[in-house]
Amino acid sequence: MATETRVADNKMIPIYIMGKQYLVPPALTIMKAMEYAGYKLIRGVGCRGGFCGACGTAYRIQGDPKLYFGLACQTVVQPGMYLAQLPFFPARRETYDISQLEPTATTLFSLYPEVLRCLGCGACTKACPQEIDVRDYMAAAMRGDLAKLADTSFDCIMCGLCAARCPAEEAQYNIAILARRLYGRYLAPRSEHLERRLEEIETGKFTVDLEELKGLGEEELKVRYKARDIEPK
């Protein structure tokens, strides 16, 4: 547990971590501010780049009754910020074998019947740190539109903050990833040239080339990358 940081510098700002006040530099993200305050982060850290969703954080600002959500690695601290991390939200996740499912609305509703309880209130959208219109993709889920659901939820990082706010007790992000898996396996257009390339890799056609690349330094790899052939759109 960190000890309280006391700094006699008027450029520092007060924040509250688990109810205890710390003075930190104002330009830090929540994650860096916690480390500055003395916390050693073991869980709820992840990529530190805003992609993994492991550092979901709920916070309030002193004097503001609104409850805010953000990713600790991306959200900059504010004076009077009260923080509580949510590294994991215990939402319901159904177990299934994707190879045994059919890409239909019936599949979606049978595994996640709570889809049909959606109130369309928009609390999930307000909670999303990626600014995804979760309400919109849940509307697609209620219609059984797997393609729209998969497309509009594509940037979801599975942080679970939408489920934390849902009055219908839905696990929006788990519902969405089921749709993306169904769409990717059964409905997305097949890439024939990709399948051919995978076959070539499996037969060892590029073994020598791959070994050569593995032996190159970073700068030479950058040169090779920039000089690569790019498939036209």
Protein backbone atom coordinates (compact mmCIF):
# COMPACT_ATOMS: atom_id res chain seq x y z
CA MET A 1 0.00 0.00 0.00
CA ALA A 2 1.33 3.43 -0.87
CA THR A 3 1.99 6.08 1.73
CA GLU A 4 0.53 9.57 1.36
CA THR A 5 2.59 11.86 -0.85
CA ARG A 6 3.07 15.39 0.52
CA VAL A 7 4.59 17.91 -1.86
CA ALA A 8 4.81 21.63 -1.08
CA ASP A 9 4.48 22.61 -4.72
CA ASN A 10 1.41 24.56 -5.77
CA LYS A 11 1.61 23.02 -9.23
CA MET A 12 0.62 19.64 -7.82
CA ILE A 13 -3.05 18.68 -7.71
CA PRO A 14 -4.95 16.57 -5.16
CA ILE A 15 -6.54 13.27 -6.22
CA TYR A 16 -8.07 10.52 -4.10
CA ILE A 17 -7.13 6.88 -4.65
CA MET A 18 -9.35 4.46 -2.75
CA GLY A 19 -10.40 7.35 -0.52
CA LYS A 20 -6.90 8.60 0.35
CA GLN A 21 -5.52 11.93 -0.87
CA TYR A 22 -2.32 12.22 -2.90
CA LEU A 23 -0.66 15.21 -4.58
CA VAL A 24 0.45 14.46 -8.14
CA PRO A 25 1.62 16.36 -11.25
CA PRO A 26 -1.39 17.49 -13.34
CA ALA A 27 -0.14 16.08 -16.67
CA LEU A 28 -0.11 12.42 -15.59
CA THR A 29 -2.59 9.77 -16.62
CA ILE A 30 -4.47 8.01 -13.85
CA MET A 31 -2.17 5.01 -14.18
CA LYS A 32 1.01 7.09 -13.97
CA ALA A 33 -0.44 9.13 -11.11
CA MET A 34 -1.09 5.95 -9.13
CA GLU A 35 2.50 4.86 -9.69
CA TYR A 36 3.73 8.34 -8.76
CA ALA A 37 1.75 8.03 -5.52
CA GLY A 38 3.58 4.80 -4.71
CA TYR A 39 1.23 2.10 -5.95
CA LYS A 40 2.82 -0.91 -7.60
CA LEU A 41 0.34 -1.99 -10.28
CA ILE A 42 0.15 -5.76 -10.65
CA ARG A 43 -3.36 -6.22 -12.03
CA GLY A 44 -5.42 -3.95 -14.25
CA VAL A 45 -2.43 -2.74 -16.27
CA GLY A 46 -2.21 -4.56 -19.59
CA CYS A 47 -1.02 -2.79 -22.72
CA ARG A 48 -0.81 0.80 -21.39
CA GLY A 49 -1.88 1.93 -24.84
CA GLY A 50 -5.67 2.02 -24.66
CA PHE A 51 -6.26 -1.27 -26.50
CA CYS A 52 -6.62 -4.08 -23.97
CA GLY A 53 -9.35 -2.69 -21.71
CA ALA A 54 -7.72 -3.98 -18.51
CA CYS A 55 -7.59 -0.64 -16.69
CA GLY A 56 -11.23 0.41 -16.57
CA THR A 57 -11.67 3.09 -13.91
CA ALA A 58 -14.70 4.74 -12.32
CA TYR A 59 -14.27 8.23 -10.94
CA ARG A 60 -16.05 11.30 -9.68
CA ILE A 61 -14.88 14.91 -9.55
CA GLN A 62 -15.28 16.74 -6.27
CA GLY A 63 -18.44 18.85 -6.39
CA ASP A 64 -19.78 17.04 -9.50
CA PRO A 65 -22.46 14.38 -8.86
CA LYS A 66 -21.85 12.63 -12.21
CA LEU A 67 -20.13 9.23 -12.31
CA TYR A 68 -17.42 9.07 -14.99
CA PHE A 69 -15.60 6.16 -16.60
CA GLY A 70 -12.30 5.93 -18.42
CA LEU A 71 -9.18 3.90 -19.07
CA ALA A 72 -6.50 4.61 -16.50
CA CYS A 73 -3.75 4.53 -19.13
CA GLN A 74 -5.44 7.23 -21.25
CA THR A 75 -7.39 9.49 -18.87
CA VAL A 76 -5.50 12.48 -17.47
CA VAL A 77 -6.01 13.30 -13.79
CA GLN A 78 -8.06 16.29 -12.66
CA PRO A 79 -8.06 18.14 -9.34
CA GLY A 80 -10.40 16.54 -6.84
CA MET A 81 -10.68 13.27 -8.76
CA TYR A 82 -11.91 10.29 -6.70
CA LEU A 83 -10.71 7.03 -8.26
CA ALA A 84 -11.69 3.37 -8.07
CA GLN A 85 -10.25 0.88 -10.54
CA LEU A 86 -12.35 -1.89 -12.10
CA PRO A 87 -9.77 -4.26 -13.61
CA PHE A 88 -12.42 -6.93 -14.10
CA PHE A 89 -16.20 -6.75 -14.20
CA PRO A 90 -17.96 -10.07 -13.39
CA ALA A 91 -20.47 -10.08 -16.23
CA ARG A 92 -22.07 -13.31 -17.45
CA ARG A 93 -20.20 -15.06 -20.24
CA GLU A 94 -21.74 -18.07 -21.96
CA THR A 95 -19.58 -21.09 -22.85
CA TYR A 96 -19.93 -22.35 -26.42
CA ASP A 97 -18.11 -24.08 -29.27
CA ILE A 98 -18.22 -21.69 -32.23
CA SER A 99 -17.87 -24.58 -34.68
CA GLN A 100 -21.15 -26.03 -33.41
CA LEU A 101 -23.19 -22.83 -33.76
CA GLU A 102 -25.22 -21.37 -36.60
CA PRO A 103 -24.93 -17.67 -37.54
CA THR A 104 -28.52 -16.79 -36.72
CA ALA A 105 -30.49 -14.56 -34.41
CA THR A 106 -31.78 -17.71 -32.72
CA THR A 107 -28.24 -18.58 -31.68
CA LEU A 108 -27.70 -15.13 -30.24
CA PHE A 109 -30.98 -15.12 -28.33
CA SER A 110 -30.57 -18.67 -27.00
CA LEU A 111 -27.11 -17.98 -25.58
CA TYR A 112 -27.88 -14.45 -24.39
CA PRO A 113 -31.66 -14.13 -23.93
CA GLU A 114 -31.09 -10.94 -21.95
CA VAL A 115 -30.48 -9.21 -25.29
CA LEU A 116 -34.24 -8.78 -25.53
CA ARG A 117 -34.35 -6.98 -22.18
CA CYS A 118 -32.45 -3.96 -23.55
CA LEU A 119 -34.18 -0.72 -22.55
CA GLY A 120 -32.40 1.47 -25.07
CA CYS A 121 -31.48 3.86 -22.25
CA GLY A 122 -27.99 4.62 -23.53
CA ALA A 123 -26.20 4.21 -20.19
CA CYS A 124 -23.87 1.72 -21.88
CA THR A 125 -22.89 4.25 -24.56
CA LYS A 126 -22.16 6.91 -21.94
CA ALA A 127 -19.88 4.50 -20.08
CA CYS A 128 -17.82 3.43 -23.11
CA PRO A 129 -14.26 4.85 -22.97
CA GLN A 130 -13.90 4.20 -26.72
CA GLU A 131 -17.02 6.29 -27.46
CA ILE A 132 -18.66 3.33 -29.22
CA ASP A 133 -22.42 3.66 -29.67
CA VAL A 134 -23.17 0.56 -27.62
CA ARG A 135 -26.89 1.28 -27.64
CA ASP A 136 -26.83 1.22 -31.44
CA TYR A 137 -25.14 -2.16 -31.67
CA MET A 138 -27.46 -3.57 -29.02
CA ALA A 139 -30.38 -2.42 -31.17
CA ALA A 140 -28.83 -4.45 -34.00
CA ALA A 141 -28.57 -7.40 -31.62
CA MET A 142 -32.29 -7.16 -30.81
CA ARG A 143 -33.04 -7.27 -34.55
CA GLY A 144 -30.75 -10.27 -34.96
CA ASP A 145 -28.56 -8.31 -37.40
CA LEU A 146 -25.24 -10.06 -36.81
CA ALA A 147 -23.40 -8.18 -39.56
CA LYS A 148 -24.33 -4.76 -38.17
CA LEU A 149 -23.64 -5.88 -34.61
CA ALA A 150 -20.21 -7.22 -35.58
CA ASP A 151 -19.31 -4.11 -37.56
CA THR A 152 -20.42 -1.47 -35.07
CA SER A 153 -18.85 -3.25 -32.09
CA PHE A 154 -15.54 -3.91 -33.87
CA ASP A 155 -13.51 -1.43 -31.76
CA CYS A 156 -14.71 -2.87 -28.43
CA ILE A 157 -11.80 -3.59 -26.07
CA MET A 158 -13.83 -5.74 -23.64
CA CYS A 159 -13.32 -3.50 -20.60
CA GLY A 160 -16.82 -4.28 -19.27
CA LEU A 161 -17.74 -0.73 -18.29
CA CYS A 162 -20.92 -0.87 -20.40
CA ALA A 163 -22.14 -3.86 -18.38
CA ALA A 164 -21.34 -2.03 -15.16
CA ARG A 165 -23.97 0.60 -16.00
CA CYS A 166 -26.66 -1.58 -17.60
CA PRO A 167 -29.99 -1.59 -15.68
CA ALA A 168 -31.08 -4.66 -17.69
CA GLU A 169 -27.99 -6.56 -16.46
CA GLU A 170 -26.71 -7.36 -19.93
CA ALA A 171 -23.10 -8.17 -20.83
CA GLN A 172 -22.99 -6.13 -24.01
CA TYR A 173 -19.35 -6.80 -24.79
CA ASN A 174 -19.74 -10.59 -24.49
CA ILE A 175 -22.81 -10.47 -26.72
CA ALA A 176 -20.89 -8.41 -29.27
CA ILE A 177 -17.87 -10.70 -29.41
CA LEU A 178 -20.16 -13.67 -30.05
CA ALA A 179 -21.55 -11.80 -33.05
CA ARG A 180 -18.06 -10.98 -34.34
CA ARG A 181 -17.03 -14.62 -34.02
CA LEU A 182 -20.14 -15.84 -35.82
CA TYR A 183 -19.71 -13.26 -38.56
CA GLY A 184 -16.01 -13.95 -38.99
CA ARG A 185 -16.43 -17.71 -39.19
CA TYR A 186 -19.59 -17.99 -41.26
CA LEU A 187 -20.65 -14.74 -42.90
CA ALA A 188 -17.58 -12.68 -43.81
CA PRO A 189 -16.40 -13.00 -47.44
CA ARG A 190 -13.66 -15.59 -47.83
CA SER A 191 -10.16 -14.36 -48.71
CA GLU A 192 -8.97 -16.91 -51.28
CA HIS A 193 -5.48 -15.44 -51.68
CA LEU A 194 -5.01 -15.50 -47.90
CA GLU A 195 -5.91 -19.18 -47.79
CA ARG A 196 -3.40 -19.87 -50.55
CA ARG A 197 -0.70 -17.99 -48.69
CA LEU A 198 -1.39 -19.93 -45.49
CA GLU A 199 -1.04 -23.18 -47.44
CA GLU A 200 2.31 -21.96 -48.82
CA ILE A 201 3.52 -21.14 -45.30
CA GLU A 202 2.45 -24.55 -44.00
CA THR A 203 4.31 -26.33 -46.81
CA GLY A 204 7.51 -24.45 -45.96
CA LYS A 205 7.75 -22.21 -49.01
CA PHE A 206 8.89 -19.23 -46.93
CA THR A 207 10.94 -20.99 -44.26
CA VAL A 208 14.28 -19.69 -45.52
CA ASP A 209 12.96 -16.14 -45.93
CA LEU A 210 11.42 -16.15 -42.44
CA GLU A 211 14.65 -17.34 -40.88
CA GLU A 212 16.50 -14.53 -42.65
CA LEU A 213 14.04 -11.94 -41.34
CA LYS A 214 14.38 -13.28 -37.81
CA GLY A 215 18.11 -12.60 -37.98
CA LEU A 216 17.82 -8.96 -39.09
CA GLY A 217 18.20 -5.94 -36.84
CA GLU A 218 15.46 -3.40 -36.20
CA GLU A 219 16.68 -0.82 -38.72
CA GLU A 220 16.98 -3.33 -41.56
CA LEU A 221 13.52 -4.67 -40.75
CA LYS A 222 12.15 -1.13 -41.07
CA VAL A 223 13.81 -0.77 -44.47
CA ARG A 224 12.36 -4.08 -45.65
CA TYR A 225 8.93 -3.14 -44.31
CA LYS A 226 8.84 0.19 -46.15
CA ALA A 227 10.00 -1.44 -49.39
CA ARG A 228 7.43 -4.25 -49.29
CA ASP A 229 4.89 -4.88 -52.04
CA ILE A 230 1.49 -3.60 -51.01
CA GLU A 231 -1.62 -5.21 -52.40
CA PRO A 232 -3.76 -2.62 -54.24
CA LYS A 233 -7.20 -1.91 -52.81
